[in-house]
């Protein structure tokens, strides 16, 4: 009877399926998840504070394009939070090195003007040597 091996295989696979399932409770969170939780509870600027004024949208867009075009930046650096409101840019999130932090800040000052940038970028690996 050919149905018996198929039925047995299905039974074994269904019973053993839990063995191969990933334990979701033990997965590692992205390195800025705790910061996102902290920001949601506190009074920190979040992307929801982004202004819809044309000048602020253009400022945020220009800075984002500059970050994504810079090949020397890490993925974290290219994905920092940029919040522009009232001509003031707030930078938040992790970067890999202090050199990245300084580069992003300088680019934001170039676009928004001196005194119009709040730099809250955090170096994720401060012990890492700068390239």
C-alpha atoms as a PDB file:
ATOM      1  CA  UNK A   1       0.000   0.000   0.000  1.00  0.00           C
ATOM      2  CA  UNK A   2       1.600   3.297  -1.115  1.00  0.00           C
ATOM      3  CA  UNK A   3      -0.502   5.519   1.157  1.00  0.00           C
ATOM      4  CA  UNK A   4       1.093   4.231   4.346  1.00  0.00           C
ATOM      5  CA  UNK A   5       4.614   5.649   3.711  1.00  0.00           C
ATOM      6  CA  UNK A   6       3.141   9.024   2.694  1.00  0.00           C
ATOM      7  CA  UNK A   7       0.875   9.173   5.743  1.00  0.00           C
ATOM      8  CA  UNK A   8       3.757   8.147   8.000  1.00  0.00           C
ATOM      9  CA  UNK A   9       6.004  10.833   6.491  1.00  0.00           C
ATOM     10  CA  UNK A  10       3.353  13.498   7.025  1.00  0.00           C
ATOM     11  CA  UNK A  11       2.840  12.393  10.628  1.00  0.00           C
ATOM     12  CA  UNK A  12       6.579  12.439  11.380  1.00  0.00           C
ATOM     13  CA  UNK A  13       7.024  15.840   9.735  1.00  0.00           C
ATOM     14  CA  UNK A  14       4.131  17.371  11.667  1.00  0.00           C
ATOM     15  CA  UNK A  15       5.387  16.010  14.994  1.00  0.00           C
ATOM     16  CA  UNK A  16       8.978  17.113  14.385  1.00  0.00           C
ATOM     17  CA  UNK A  17       8.058  20.532  12.988  1.00  0.00           C
ATOM     18  CA  UNK A  18       8.350  22.191  16.377  1.00  0.00           C
ATOM     19  CA  UNK A  19      11.952  21.047  16.666  1.00  0.00           C
ATOM     20  CA  UNK A  20      12.973  23.148  13.663  1.00  0.00           C
ATOM     21  CA  UNK A  21      10.844  26.175  14.481  1.00  0.00           C
ATOM     22  CA  UNK A  22      12.824  29.221  15.587  1.00  0.00           C
ATOM     23  CA  UNK A  23      12.481  30.377  19.163  1.00  0.00           C
ATOM     24  CA  UNK A  24      11.311  33.946  18.554  1.00  0.00           C
ATOM     25  CA  UNK A  25      11.828  34.919  22.189  1.00  0.00           C
ATOM     26  CA  UNK A  26      15.588  34.418  21.811  1.00  0.00           C
ATOM     27  CA  UNK A  27      16.160  36.442  18.641  1.00  0.00           C
ATOM     28  CA  UNK A  28      18.415  39.456  18.929  1.00  0.00           C
ATOM     29  CA  UNK A  29      16.806  42.854  18.552  1.00  0.00           C
ATOM     30  CA  UNK A  30      18.342  45.446  16.214  1.00  0.00           C
ATOM     31  CA  UNK A  31      20.884  47.584  18.026  1.00  0.00           C
ATOM     32  CA  UNK A  32      18.680  50.643  18.267  1.00  0.00           C
ATOM     33  CA  UNK A  33      15.443  48.977  19.421  1.00  0.00           C
ATOM     34  CA  UNK A  34      15.957  50.005  23.034  1.00  0.00           C
ATOM     35  CA  UNK A  35      16.527  53.577  21.891  1.00  0.00           C
ATOM     36  CA  UNK A  36      13.287  53.517  19.900  1.00  0.00           C
ATOM     37  CA  UNK A  37      11.367  52.333  22.973  1.00  0.00           C
ATOM     38  CA  UNK A  38      13.013  55.029  25.099  1.00  0.00           C
ATOM     39  CA  UNK A  39      12.195  57.723  22.546  1.00  0.00           C
ATOM     40  CA  UNK A  40       8.560  56.668  22.298  1.00  0.00           C
ATOM     41  CA  UNK A  41       8.118  57.150  26.053  1.00  0.00           C
ATOM     42  CA  UNK A  42      10.126  60.345  26.455  1.00  0.00           C
ATOM     43  CA  UNK A  43       9.930  63.813  25.009  1.00  0.00           C
ATOM     44  CA  UNK A  44      12.617  63.190  22.378  1.00  0.00           C
ATOM     45  CA  UNK A  45      12.087  64.210  18.772  1.00  0.00           C
ATOM     46  CA  UNK A  46      10.866  61.338  16.645  1.00  0.00           C
ATOM     47  CA  UNK A  47      10.104  61.067  12.919  1.00  0.00           C
ATOM     48  CA  UNK A  48       6.487  61.884  13.789  1.00  0.00           C
ATOM     49  CA  UNK A  49       7.701  65.398  14.654  1.00  0.00           C
ATOM     50  CA  UNK A  50       8.801  65.962  11.048  1.00  0.00           C
ATOM     51  CA  UNK A  51       7.217  69.130   9.679  1.00  0.00           C
ATOM     52  CA  UNK A  52       5.206  69.030   6.474  1.00  0.00           C
ATOM     53  CA  UNK A  53       6.382  72.495   5.452  1.00  0.00           C
ATOM     54  CA  UNK A  54       7.936  72.397   1.982  1.00  0.00           C
ATOM     55  CA  UNK A  55      11.254  73.870   3.177  1.00  0.00           C
ATOM     56  CA  UNK A  56      11.578  71.302   5.986  1.00  0.00           C
ATOM     57  CA  UNK A  57      10.717  68.396   3.703  1.00  0.00           C
ATOM     58  CA  UNK A  58      13.279  69.587   1.149  1.00  0.00           C
ATOM     59  CA  UNK A  59      15.916  69.971   3.879  1.00  0.00           C
ATOM     60  CA  UNK A  60      15.332  66.440   5.216  1.00  0.00           C
ATOM     61  CA  UNK A  61      15.288  65.038   1.679  1.00  0.00           C
ATOM     62  CA  UNK A  62      18.536  66.786   0.730  1.00  0.00           C
ATOM     63  CA  UNK A  63      20.311  65.480   3.810  1.00  0.00           C
ATOM     64  CA  UNK A  64      18.984  61.934   3.297  1.00  0.00           C
ATOM     65  CA  UNK A  65      20.183  61.967  -0.319  1.00  0.00           C
ATOM     66  CA  UNK A  66      23.622  63.167   0.783  1.00  0.00           C
ATOM     67  CA  UNK A  67      23.847  60.351   3.334  1.00  0.00           C
ATOM     68  CA  UNK A  68      22.784  57.621   0.938  1.00  0.00           C
ATOM     69  CA  UNK A  69      25.167  58.895  -1.753  1.00  0.00           C
ATOM     70  CA  UNK A  70      28.196  58.760   0.567  1.00  0.00           C
ATOM     71  CA  UNK A  71      29.810  55.356   0.050  1.00  0.00           C
ATOM     72  CA  UNK A  72      32.037  55.570   3.127  1.00  0.00           C
ATOM     73  CA  UNK A  73      29.084  55.563   5.549  1.00  0.00           C
ATOM     74  CA  UNK A  74      27.794  52.420   7.254  1.00  0.00           C
ATOM     75  CA  UNK A  75      24.228  51.210   6.873  1.00  0.00           C
ATOM     76  CA  UNK A  76      23.438  52.568  10.353  1.00  0.00           C
ATOM     77  CA  UNK A  77      24.798  55.989   9.410  1.00  0.00           C
ATOM     78  CA  UNK A  78      22.755  56.082   6.211  1.00  0.00           C
ATOM     79  CA  UNK A  79      19.620  55.275   8.201  1.00  0.00           C
ATOM     80  CA  UNK A  80      19.822  57.768  11.063  1.00  0.00           C
ATOM     81  CA  UNK A  81      16.653  59.624  11.934  1.00  0.00           C
ATOM     82  CA  UNK A  82      16.453  63.058  10.328  1.00  0.00           C
ATOM     83  CA  UNK A  83      13.734  65.320  11.707  1.00  0.00           C
ATOM     84  CA  UNK A  84      13.402  68.789  10.185  1.00  0.00           C
ATOM     85  CA  UNK A  85      10.988  71.233  11.781  1.00  0.00           C
ATOM     86  CA  UNK A  86      11.077  75.014  11.638  1.00  0.00           C
ATOM     87  CA  UNK A  87      14.386  74.959   9.775  1.00  0.00           C
ATOM     88  CA  UNK A  88      16.072  73.010  12.586  1.00  0.00           C
ATOM     89  CA  UNK A  89      17.383  69.514  11.866  1.00  0.00           C
ATOM     90  CA  UNK A  90      17.537  66.929  14.646  1.00  0.00           C
ATOM     91  CA  UNK A  91      19.797  63.925  14.057  1.00  0.00           C
ATOM     92  CA  UNK A  92      19.171  60.758  16.078  1.00  0.00           C
ATOM     93  CA  UNK A  93      20.300  57.154  16.018  1.00  0.00           C
ATOM     94  CA  UNK A  94      23.406  54.978  16.082  1.00  0.00           C
ATOM     95  CA  UNK A  95      26.445  55.387  13.846  1.00  0.00           C
ATOM     96  CA  UNK A  96      29.482  53.115  13.772  1.00  0.00           C
ATOM     97  CA  UNK A  97      32.271  55.639  14.388  1.00  0.00           C
ATOM     98  CA  UNK A  98      32.834  59.172  15.604  1.00  0.00           C
ATOM     99  CA  UNK A  99      34.061  60.025  12.086  1.00  0.00           C
ATOM    100  CA  UNK A 100      30.611  59.134  10.722  1.00  0.00           C
ATOM    101  CA  UNK A 101      28.981  61.213  13.454  1.00  0.00           C
ATOM    102  CA  UNK A 102      31.130  64.216  12.548  1.00  0.00           C
ATOM    103  CA  UNK A 103      30.577  63.784   8.788  1.00  0.00           C
ATOM    104  CA  UNK A 104      26.791  63.664   9.151  1.00  0.00           C
ATOM    105  CA  UNK A 105      26.772  66.655  11.504  1.00  0.00           C
ATOM    106  CA  UNK A 106      28.957  68.698   9.121  1.00  0.00           C
ATOM    107  CA  UNK A 107      26.703  67.858   6.167  1.00  0.00           C
ATOM    108  CA  UNK A 108      23.610  68.852   8.175  1.00  0.00           C
ATOM    109  CA  UNK A 109      25.228  72.180   9.154  1.00  0.00           C
ATOM    110  CA  UNK A 110      26.157  72.763   5.506  1.00  0.00           C
ATOM    111  CA  UNK A 111      22.508  72.300   4.469  1.00  0.00           C
ATOM    112  CA  UNK A 112      20.627  73.785   7.448  1.00  0.00           C
ATOM    113  CA  UNK A 113      23.097  76.418   8.600  1.00  0.00           C
ATOM    114  CA  UNK A 114      25.125  76.857  11.752  1.00  0.00           C
ATOM    115  CA  UNK A 115      23.029  76.750  14.907  1.00  0.00           C
ATOM    116  CA  UNK A 116      20.213  74.867  13.168  1.00  0.00           C
ATOM    117  CA  UNK A 117      21.357  71.291  13.877  1.00  0.00           C
ATOM    118  CA  UNK A 118      20.688  69.269  17.033  1.00  0.00           C
ATOM    119  CA  UNK A 119      23.170  66.386  16.998  1.00  0.00           C
ATOM    120  CA  UNK A 120      21.912  63.452  19.079  1.00  0.00           C
ATOM    121  CA  UNK A 121      23.776  60.785  17.111  1.00  0.00           C
ATOM    122  CA  UNK A 122      25.323  58.043  19.227  1.00  0.00           C
ATOM    123  CA  UNK A 123      28.441  56.064  18.366  1.00  0.00           C
ATOM    124  CA  UNK A 124      27.351  52.415  18.581  1.00  0.00           C
ATOM    125  CA  UNK A 125      30.890  51.034  18.938  1.00  0.00           C
ATOM    126  CA  UNK A 126      32.980  53.710  20.683  1.00  0.00           C
ATOM    127  CA  UNK A 127      35.894  51.313  21.179  1.00  0.00           C
ATOM    128  CA  UNK A 128      36.131  50.701  17.427  1.00  0.00           C
ATOM    129  CA  UNK A 129      38.980  52.574  15.751  1.00  0.00           C
ATOM    130  CA  UNK A 130      38.049  55.137  13.157  1.00  0.00           C
ATOM    131  CA  UNK A 131      39.113  54.243   9.603  1.00  0.00           C
END
